[in-house]
Amino acid sequence: QVQLVESGGGSVQAGGSLRLSCAASSSEYAFENYCRAWIRQAPEKEREVVAAIGSRSGSGTFTFYADSVKGRFTLSEDNSKNTVFLQMNSLTPEDTARYYCAAGAMWCDRNWAFSARYTYWGQGTQVTVSS
């Protein structure tokens, strides 16, 4: 079991920045062994995995980004605190959504973009970007 708690959402003007945090508690495996992702859901839009971090078929740790956020969002981790972060810069109104932290026991490189494959989810935190 993995419990995930997000924080750091809020309202910001276009061009601004926010930093989301996801604190995890895991009773089975170390959190860093999971494929961990930030997934967003906007009204009337499909769920989108914006960034993920995890193993590439057992070899090293890599980060993955959706094209829509590449160059603007940065995912990082602090394994000593079982926490992952999402630094979001140059925000636009199109980034407005509820952002969820999620984790799955899987190879990240093969599965990161598929939101349905993540087993554990937090409650989400709202990000609102005004123009």
Protein backbone atom coordinates (compact mmCIF):
# COMPACT_ATOMS: atom_id res chain seq x y z
CA GLN A 1 0.00 0.00 0.00
CA VAL A 2 1.13 3.51 -0.81
CA GLN A 3 -0.51 6.64 0.54
CA LEU A 4 0.12 9.85 -1.39
CA VAL A 5 -0.53 13.41 -0.25
CA GLU A 6 -0.13 16.35 -2.61
CA SER A 7 0.38 19.97 -1.72
CA GLY A 8 1.41 23.22 -3.36
CA GLY A 9 -1.44 23.94 -5.72
CA GLY A 10 -3.04 27.34 -5.99
CA SER A 11 -3.88 30.21 -8.31
CA VAL A 12 -1.31 32.04 -10.36
CA GLN A 13 -1.22 34.36 -13.33
CA ALA A 14 0.02 33.26 -16.71
CA GLY A 15 3.79 33.17 -16.81
CA GLY A 16 4.03 32.37 -13.14
CA SER A 17 5.36 29.32 -11.32
CA LEU A 18 4.20 26.79 -8.79
CA ARG A 19 5.86 23.87 -7.08
CA LEU A 20 3.86 20.80 -6.22
CA SER A 21 4.93 18.25 -3.64
CA CYS A 22 3.88 14.66 -3.15
CA ALA A 23 4.72 12.95 0.13
CA ALA A 24 4.41 9.19 0.21
CA SER A 25 4.19 6.49 2.78
CA SER A 26 4.78 2.96 1.60
CA SER A 27 4.36 -0.16 3.64
CA GLU A 28 5.77 -2.63 1.12
CA TYR A 29 8.47 -1.25 -1.17
CA ALA A 30 10.57 1.88 -1.04
CA PHE A 31 8.75 4.70 -2.77
CA GLU A 32 11.68 5.23 -5.11
CA ASN A 33 11.13 1.76 -6.54
CA TYR A 34 7.80 2.78 -8.01
CA CYS A 35 7.14 4.58 -11.24
CA ARG A 36 5.91 7.93 -9.85
CA ALA A 37 4.02 10.46 -11.87
CA TRP A 38 2.10 13.69 -11.91
CA ILE A 39 -1.16 13.38 -13.77
CA ARG A 40 -3.61 16.17 -14.48
CA GLN A 41 -7.28 16.26 -15.18
CA ALA A 42 -9.01 19.33 -16.54
CA PRO A 43 -12.78 19.62 -17.01
CA GLU A 44 -13.92 18.06 -20.27
CA LYS A 45 -10.40 17.00 -21.15
CA GLU A 46 -8.69 13.63 -21.09
CA ARG A 47 -6.46 12.79 -18.21
CA GLU A 48 -2.81 13.50 -19.05
CA VAL A 49 0.36 12.16 -17.51
CA VAL A 50 2.57 15.23 -17.55
CA ALA A 51 5.72 13.80 -15.96
CA ALA A 52 7.04 10.62 -14.45
CA ILE A 53 10.17 9.33 -12.80
CA GLY A 54 11.34 5.78 -12.38
CA SER A 55 13.40 2.93 -13.67
CA ARG A 56 13.96 2.21 -17.34
CA SER A 57 13.56 -1.56 -17.45
CA GLY A 58 15.61 -1.90 -14.29
CA SER A 59 18.50 0.26 -15.44
CA GLY A 60 18.86 3.60 -13.72
CA THR A 61 16.32 6.28 -12.97
CA PHE A 62 14.94 8.53 -15.64
CA THR A 63 12.37 11.26 -15.99
CA PHE A 64 9.76 11.45 -18.70
CA TYR A 65 7.71 14.42 -19.82
CA ALA A 66 4.69 15.01 -21.96
CA ASP A 67 5.38 17.23 -24.94
CA SER A 68 2.92 19.78 -23.59
CA VAL A 69 5.12 20.53 -20.58
CA LYS A 70 8.61 19.69 -21.78
CA GLY A 71 10.98 22.54 -21.05
CA ARG A 72 8.60 24.14 -18.56
CA PHE A 73 8.00 21.48 -15.90
CA THR A 74 10.67 19.65 -13.93
CA LEU A 75 10.08 16.56 -11.84
CA SER A 76 12.51 15.83 -9.05
CA GLU A 77 12.71 13.55 -6.04
CA ASP A 78 13.99 13.50 -2.50
CA ASN A 79 14.17 9.84 -1.62
CA SER A 80 15.26 10.57 1.94
CA LYS A 81 11.82 12.14 2.44
CA ASN A 82 9.82 9.86 0.11
CA THR A 83 8.78 12.95 -1.79
CA VAL A 84 8.56 13.95 -5.43
CA PHE A 85 8.18 17.49 -6.67
CA LEU A 86 6.87 19.13 -9.80
CA GLN A 87 8.30 22.54 -10.53
CA MET A 88 6.03 24.28 -13.00
CA ASN A 89 7.28 27.37 -14.79
CA SER A 90 5.87 29.56 -17.54
CA LEU A 91 2.37 28.46 -16.67
CA THR A 92 -0.46 29.10 -19.11
CA PRO A 93 -4.25 28.88 -18.70
CA GLU A 94 -4.06 25.53 -20.52
CA ASP A 95 -2.22 24.16 -17.48
CA THR A 96 -5.29 24.70 -15.32
CA ALA A 97 -6.30 21.31 -13.91
CA ARG A 98 -6.37 19.15 -10.86
CA TYR A 99 -2.96 17.58 -10.45
CA TYR A 100 -2.61 14.13 -9.00
CA CYS A 101 0.40 12.28 -7.74
CA ALA A 102 0.34 8.62 -8.69
CA ALA A 103 2.54 5.57 -8.35
CA GLY A 104 2.72 2.16 -9.93
CA ALA A 105 4.92 -0.88 -9.48
CA MET A 106 6.09 -1.06 -13.11
CA TRP A 107 8.89 -0.17 -15.47
CA CYS A 108 8.46 3.52 -16.08
CA ASP A 109 9.78 3.65 -19.62
CA ARG A 110 7.12 1.25 -20.91
CA ASN A 111 4.17 2.48 -18.94
CA TRP A 112 4.62 6.04 -17.78
CA ALA A 113 2.23 7.68 -20.21
CA PHE A 114 -0.75 5.44 -19.41
CA SER A 115 -2.65 6.89 -16.47
CA ALA A 116 -4.77 3.75 -16.02
CA ARG A 117 -1.66 1.74 -15.13
CA TYR A 118 -0.97 3.64 -11.94
CA THR A 119 -2.26 1.84 -8.87
CA TYR A 120 -1.96 4.46 -6.17
CA TRP A 121 -3.33 7.98 -6.34
CA GLY A 122 -3.44 10.99 -4.10
CA GLN A 123 -6.44 13.25 -3.66
CA GLY A 124 -5.06 15.86 -6.00
CA THR A 125 -4.34 19.55 -5.76
CA GLN A 126 -5.93 22.26 -7.88
CA VAL A 127 -3.83 24.49 -10.12
CA THR A 128 -5.56 27.48 -11.67
CA VAL A 129 -3.76 29.77 -14.11
CA SER A 130 -5.43 33.01 -15.11
CA SER A 131 -4.66 35.01 -18.21
